[in-house]
């Protein structure tokens, strides 16, 4: 995987984590965590990517109830339950390989 693509997936995973867990404070606080604002930028990019590619099925709050969910044969997962179904730990690696297509996920394209 090239570096730019890798950062895109990391940003999406971070954005998903923030959608699921909520932001810890105002958006400006994300930019203060790292002097150059890279983490905040990636989180914002991840949020936008989630809205464009994921929210129609998984929903704005990642509960699996997006606008298209009712039309799907495979119902979208409630992404807010990811940590709960993985012993309380957010499964960053599993989310990354699902997003980047390394691991085929039921309902995400041809199977």
N, C-alpha and C. Protein backbone atom coordinates (compact mmCIF):
# COMPACT_ATOMS: atom_id res chain seq x y z
N UNK A 1 0.86 -1.18 0.00
CA UNK A 1 0.00 0.00 0.00
C UNK A 1 0.90 1.23 0.00
N UNK A 2 0.56 2.20 -0.85
CA UNK A 2 1.40 3.40 -0.87
C UNK A 2 1.09 4.28 0.34
N UNK A 3 1.99 5.20 0.62
CA UNK A 3 1.89 6.02 1.83
C UNK A 3 0.63 6.87 1.86
N UNK A 4 0.29 7.53 0.74
CA UNK A 4 -0.90 8.39 0.72
C UNK A 4 -2.15 7.58 0.98
N UNK A 5 -2.25 6.41 0.38
CA UNK A 5 -3.42 5.55 0.59
C UNK A 5 -3.47 5.09 2.04
N UNK A 6 -2.32 4.77 2.60
CA UNK A 6 -2.27 4.35 4.01
C UNK A 6 -2.78 5.44 4.93
N UNK A 7 -2.38 6.68 4.71
CA UNK A 7 -2.84 7.80 5.54
C UNK A 7 -4.34 8.01 5.38
N UNK A 8 -4.86 7.80 4.16
CA UNK A 8 -6.30 7.94 3.95
C UNK A 8 -7.05 6.95 4.82
N UNK A 9 -6.60 5.70 4.85
CA UNK A 9 -7.28 4.69 5.65
C UNK A 9 -7.13 4.95 7.14
N UNK A 10 -5.97 5.43 7.55
CA UNK A 10 -5.78 5.78 8.96
C UNK A 10 -6.72 6.92 9.33
N UNK A 11 -6.83 7.92 8.45
CA UNK A 11 -7.75 9.03 8.69
C UNK A 11 -9.18 8.57 8.78
N UNK A 12 -9.58 7.64 7.91
CA UNK A 12 -10.94 7.12 7.95
C UNK A 12 -11.18 6.34 9.24
N UNK A 13 -10.21 5.52 9.64
CA UNK A 13 -10.36 4.77 10.89
C UNK A 13 -10.46 5.73 12.08
N UNK A 14 -9.63 6.77 12.09
CA UNK A 14 -9.68 7.76 13.16
C UNK A 14 -11.02 8.50 13.14
N UNK A 15 -11.47 8.87 11.93
CA UNK A 15 -12.76 9.53 11.80
C UNK A 15 -13.89 8.65 12.29
N UNK A 16 -13.83 7.34 11.96
CA UNK A 16 -14.84 6.40 12.44
C UNK A 16 -14.81 6.32 13.96
N UNK A 17 -13.61 6.25 14.51
CA UNK A 17 -13.49 6.19 15.97
C UNK A 17 -14.11 7.42 16.62
N UNK A 18 -13.94 8.57 16.00
CA UNK A 18 -14.52 9.79 16.55
C UNK A 18 -16.03 9.84 16.36
N UNK A 19 -16.53 9.30 15.23
CA UNK A 19 -17.98 9.24 15.02
C UNK A 19 -18.58 8.32 16.06
N UNK A 20 -17.95 7.17 16.27
CA UNK A 20 -18.46 6.19 17.22
C UNK A 20 -18.33 6.68 18.65
N UNK A 21 -17.16 7.22 18.99
CA UNK A 21 -16.90 7.63 20.37
C UNK A 21 -17.20 9.08 20.66
N UNK A 22 -17.43 9.85 19.64
CA UNK A 22 -17.66 11.28 19.83
C UNK A 22 -16.33 12.01 19.96
N UNK A 23 -16.36 13.29 19.73
CA UNK A 23 -15.13 14.07 19.84
C UNK A 23 -14.93 14.47 21.29
N UNK A 24 -13.68 14.54 21.74
CA UNK A 24 -13.41 14.85 23.13
C UNK A 24 -13.64 16.31 23.49
N UNK A 25 -13.90 17.15 22.55
CA UNK A 25 -14.09 18.57 22.81
C UNK A 25 -14.31 19.27 21.49
N UNK A 26 -14.12 20.58 21.46
CA UNK A 26 -14.29 21.29 20.20
C UNK A 26 -13.30 20.81 19.15
N UNK A 27 -13.69 20.95 17.88
CA UNK A 27 -12.83 20.50 16.78
C UNK A 27 -11.46 21.16 16.84
N UNK A 28 -11.39 22.40 17.30
CA UNK A 28 -10.10 23.09 17.37
C UNK A 28 -9.13 22.36 18.30
N UNK A 29 -9.66 21.63 19.29
CA UNK A 29 -8.79 20.89 20.21
C UNK A 29 -8.03 19.80 19.48
N UNK A 30 -8.61 19.23 18.43
CA UNK A 30 -7.91 18.21 17.67
C UNK A 30 -6.64 18.76 17.03
N UNK A 31 -6.69 20.02 16.60
CA UNK A 31 -5.53 20.62 15.97
C UNK A 31 -4.47 21.01 16.99
N UNK A 32 -4.85 21.17 18.24
CA UNK A 32 -3.89 21.55 19.27
C UNK A 32 -3.09 20.35 19.76
N UNK A 33 -3.58 19.13 19.55
CA UNK A 33 -2.89 17.94 20.04
C UNK A 33 -1.54 17.74 19.38
N UNK A 34 -1.44 18.11 18.13
CA UNK A 34 -0.19 17.99 17.39
C UNK A 34 0.10 19.35 16.78
N UNK A 35 1.28 19.90 16.99
CA UNK A 35 1.56 21.27 16.55
C UNK A 35 1.23 21.55 15.10
N UNK A 36 1.49 20.59 14.22
CA UNK A 36 1.24 20.85 12.80
C UNK A 36 -0.19 20.57 12.40
N UNK A 37 -1.00 20.05 13.31
CA UNK A 37 -2.40 19.81 13.02
C UNK A 37 -2.67 18.59 12.16
N UNK A 38 -1.68 17.73 11.98
CA UNK A 38 -1.84 16.59 11.09
C UNK A 38 -2.94 15.64 11.58
N UNK A 39 -2.95 15.34 12.86
CA UNK A 39 -3.96 14.43 13.41
C UNK A 39 -5.36 15.01 13.24
N UNK A 40 -5.50 16.29 13.51
CA UNK A 40 -6.79 16.95 13.34
C UNK A 40 -7.23 16.95 11.90
N UNK A 41 -6.30 17.18 11.00
CA UNK A 41 -6.61 17.15 9.58
C UNK A 41 -7.07 15.76 9.17
N UNK A 42 -6.37 14.73 9.63
CA UNK A 42 -6.73 13.36 9.27
C UNK A 42 -8.09 12.98 9.86
N UNK A 43 -8.39 13.44 11.07
CA UNK A 43 -9.69 13.16 11.67
C UNK A 43 -10.80 13.82 10.87
N UNK A 44 -10.58 15.06 10.45
CA UNK A 44 -11.58 15.77 9.65
C UNK A 44 -11.76 15.08 8.30
N UNK A 45 -10.66 14.67 7.70
CA UNK A 45 -10.72 13.95 6.42
C UNK A 45 -11.47 12.63 6.60
N UNK A 46 -11.20 11.95 7.69
CA UNK A 46 -11.89 10.68 7.99
C UNK A 46 -13.39 10.87 8.16
N UNK A 47 -13.78 11.95 8.83
CA UNK A 47 -15.22 12.24 9.01
C UNK A 47 -15.90 12.45 7.66
N UNK A 48 -15.25 13.22 6.79
CA UNK A 48 -15.82 13.50 5.46
C UNK A 48 -15.89 12.20 4.66
N UNK A 49 -14.83 11.41 4.68
CA UNK A 49 -14.80 10.15 3.95
C UNK A 49 -15.91 9.23 4.45
N UNK A 50 -16.10 9.17 5.77
CA UNK A 50 -17.17 8.35 6.34
C UNK A 50 -18.53 8.82 5.83
N UNK A 51 -18.75 10.13 5.87
CA UNK A 51 -20.04 10.66 5.40
C UNK A 51 -20.30 10.30 3.95
N UNK A 52 -19.27 10.38 3.11
CA UNK A 52 -19.43 10.13 1.68
C UNK A 52 -19.60 8.63 1.39
N UNK A 53 -18.77 7.78 1.98
CA UNK A 53 -18.73 6.38 1.60
C UNK A 53 -19.44 5.41 2.55
N UNK A 54 -19.71 5.80 3.76
CA UNK A 54 -20.20 4.84 4.75
C UNK A 54 -21.58 5.18 5.33
N UNK A 55 -21.86 6.46 5.50
CA UNK A 55 -23.06 6.85 6.24
C UNK A 55 -24.37 6.48 5.55
N UNK A 56 -24.38 6.35 4.23
CA UNK A 56 -25.62 5.96 3.57
C UNK A 56 -26.11 4.59 4.02
N UNK A 57 -25.21 3.72 4.37
CA UNK A 57 -25.58 2.40 4.87
C UNK A 57 -25.51 2.31 6.39
N UNK A 58 -24.39 2.77 6.95
CA UNK A 58 -24.17 2.63 8.40
C UNK A 58 -24.84 3.73 9.21
N UNK A 59 -25.24 4.82 8.59
CA UNK A 59 -25.93 5.90 9.29
C UNK A 59 -24.99 6.98 9.79
N UNK A 60 -25.53 8.16 10.00
CA UNK A 60 -24.74 9.31 10.45
C UNK A 60 -24.09 9.06 11.81
N UNK A 61 -24.76 8.29 12.66
CA UNK A 61 -24.21 7.98 13.97
C UNK A 61 -23.60 6.58 14.04
N UNK A 62 -23.43 5.93 12.87
CA UNK A 62 -22.80 4.61 12.74
C UNK A 62 -23.57 3.48 13.41
N UNK A 63 -24.88 3.64 13.53
CA UNK A 63 -25.72 2.64 14.20
C UNK A 63 -26.24 1.55 13.26
N UNK A 64 -25.93 1.65 11.95
CA UNK A 64 -26.38 0.65 10.99
C UNK A 64 -27.74 0.98 10.39
N UNK A 65 -28.17 2.22 10.55
CA UNK A 65 -29.51 2.62 10.11
C UNK A 65 -29.48 3.74 9.08
N UNK A 66 -28.56 3.67 8.13
CA UNK A 66 -28.46 4.70 7.10
C UNK A 66 -29.65 4.69 6.15
N UNK A 67 -29.72 5.69 5.29
CA UNK A 67 -30.84 5.83 4.36
C UNK A 67 -31.04 4.61 3.47
N UNK A 68 -29.97 3.92 3.12
CA UNK A 68 -30.07 2.77 2.22
C UNK A 68 -30.22 1.43 2.94
N UNK A 69 -30.08 1.41 4.24
CA UNK A 69 -30.07 0.17 5.01
C UNK A 69 -31.31 -0.70 4.74
N UNK A 70 -32.46 -0.07 4.62
CA UNK A 70 -33.70 -0.82 4.42
C UNK A 70 -33.74 -1.56 3.09
N UNK A 71 -32.92 -1.15 2.14
CA UNK A 71 -32.92 -1.75 0.81
C UNK A 71 -31.86 -2.84 0.64
N UNK A 72 -31.05 -3.05 1.65
CA UNK A 72 -29.92 -3.98 1.54
C UNK A 72 -30.29 -5.38 2.01
N UNK A 73 -29.73 -6.38 1.35
CA UNK A 73 -29.93 -7.77 1.75
C UNK A 73 -29.14 -8.07 3.02
N UNK A 74 -27.90 -7.58 3.06
CA UNK A 74 -27.05 -7.72 4.24
C UNK A 74 -27.18 -6.42 5.02
N UNK A 75 -27.70 -6.49 6.23
CA UNK A 75 -27.89 -5.29 7.02
C UNK A 75 -26.56 -4.76 7.54
N UNK A 76 -26.36 -3.44 7.46
CA UNK A 76 -25.11 -2.83 7.93
C UNK A 76 -24.90 -3.03 9.43
N UNK A 77 -23.67 -3.18 9.80
CA UNK A 77 -23.32 -3.35 11.21
C UNK A 77 -23.51 -2.06 11.98
N UNK A 78 -23.80 -2.20 13.26
CA UNK A 78 -23.80 -1.08 14.18
C UNK A 78 -22.34 -0.88 14.59
N UNK A 79 -21.68 0.09 13.97
CA UNK A 79 -20.25 0.30 14.20
C UNK A 79 -19.95 0.83 15.60
N UNK A 80 -20.97 1.31 16.29
CA UNK A 80 -20.76 1.79 17.66
C UNK A 80 -20.52 0.62 18.62
N UNK A 81 -20.76 -0.60 18.17
CA UNK A 81 -20.59 -1.79 19.00
C UNK A 81 -19.26 -2.50 18.74
N UNK A 82 -18.42 -1.92 17.87
CA UNK A 82 -17.16 -2.59 17.52
C UNK A 82 -16.30 -2.90 18.75
N UNK A 83 -16.10 -1.93 19.60
CA UNK A 83 -15.27 -2.16 20.79
C UNK A 83 -15.92 -3.19 21.71
N UNK A 84 -17.23 -3.09 21.88
CA UNK A 84 -17.93 -4.02 22.77
C UNK A 84 -17.80 -5.47 22.29
N UNK A 85 -17.78 -5.66 20.98
CA UNK A 85 -17.66 -7.01 20.45
C UNK A 85 -16.21 -7.48 20.32
N UNK A 86 -15.28 -6.64 20.75
CA UNK A 86 -13.85 -7.00 20.73
C UNK A 86 -13.23 -6.76 22.10
N UNK A 87 -13.89 -7.25 23.12
CA UNK A 87 -13.39 -7.18 24.51
C UNK A 87 -13.07 -5.76 24.98
N UNK A 88 -13.86 -4.79 24.53
CA UNK A 88 -13.71 -3.42 24.98
C UNK A 88 -12.64 -2.60 24.27
N UNK A 89 -11.94 -3.19 23.31
CA UNK A 89 -10.88 -2.50 22.58
C UNK A 89 -11.36 -2.19 21.16
N UNK A 90 -11.16 -0.94 20.71
CA UNK A 90 -11.51 -0.60 19.33
C UNK A 90 -10.56 -1.36 18.41
N UNK A 91 -11.08 -2.18 17.49
CA UNK A 91 -10.24 -3.04 16.64
C UNK A 91 -9.66 -2.28 15.44
N UNK A 92 -8.70 -1.43 15.69
CA UNK A 92 -8.14 -0.57 14.65
C UNK A 92 -7.65 -1.37 13.45
N UNK A 93 -6.91 -2.43 13.68
CA UNK A 93 -6.38 -3.24 12.58
C UNK A 93 -7.52 -3.86 11.77
N UNK A 94 -8.51 -4.41 12.42
CA UNK A 94 -9.65 -5.03 11.72
C UNK A 94 -10.42 -3.99 10.91
N UNK A 95 -10.59 -2.80 11.45
CA UNK A 95 -11.27 -1.72 10.73
C UNK A 95 -10.44 -1.31 9.52
N UNK A 96 -9.14 -1.18 9.70
CA UNK A 96 -8.26 -0.77 8.61
C UNK A 96 -8.31 -1.76 7.45
N UNK A 97 -8.21 -3.06 7.72
CA UNK A 97 -8.21 -4.04 6.63
C UNK A 97 -9.58 -4.17 5.98
N UNK A 98 -10.64 -3.87 6.74
CA UNK A 98 -11.98 -3.86 6.15
C UNK A 98 -12.15 -2.66 5.22
N UNK A 99 -11.64 -1.52 5.63
CA UNK A 99 -11.76 -0.30 4.83
C UNK A 99 -10.89 -0.36 3.59
N UNK A 100 -9.65 -0.81 3.73
CA UNK A 100 -8.75 -0.80 2.57
C UNK A 100 -8.96 -1.96 1.62
N UNK A 101 -9.86 -2.88 1.96
CA UNK A 101 -10.19 -3.99 1.06
C UNK A 101 -9.29 -5.19 1.20
N UNK A 102 -8.31 -5.15 2.12
CA UNK A 102 -7.44 -6.30 2.34
C UNK A 102 -8.26 -7.50 2.77
N UNK A 103 -9.24 -7.28 3.63
CA UNK A 103 -10.13 -8.34 4.08
C UNK A 103 -11.51 -8.06 3.50
N UNK A 104 -12.10 -9.04 2.88
CA UNK A 104 -13.43 -8.89 2.33
C UNK A 104 -14.45 -8.91 3.47
N UNK A 105 -15.33 -7.94 3.47
CA UNK A 105 -16.36 -7.83 4.50
C UNK A 105 -17.71 -8.05 3.85
N UNK A 106 -18.49 -8.94 4.43
CA UNK A 106 -19.81 -9.26 3.91
C UNK A 106 -20.61 -7.97 3.71
N UNK A 107 -21.14 -7.80 2.50
CA UNK A 107 -21.93 -6.62 2.19
C UNK A 107 -21.16 -5.48 1.57
N UNK A 108 -19.83 -5.61 1.51
CA UNK A 108 -18.99 -4.55 0.93
C UNK A 108 -18.47 -5.00 -0.43
N UNK A 109 -19.32 -4.99 -1.42
CA UNK A 109 -18.90 -5.34 -2.78
C UNK A 109 -19.07 -6.82 -3.09
N UNK A 110 -18.55 -7.22 -4.24
CA UNK A 110 -18.69 -8.59 -4.71
C UNK A 110 -18.01 -9.57 -3.75
N UNK A 111 -18.69 -10.66 -3.47
CA UNK A 111 -18.16 -11.66 -2.55
C UNK A 111 -18.05 -12.99 -3.27
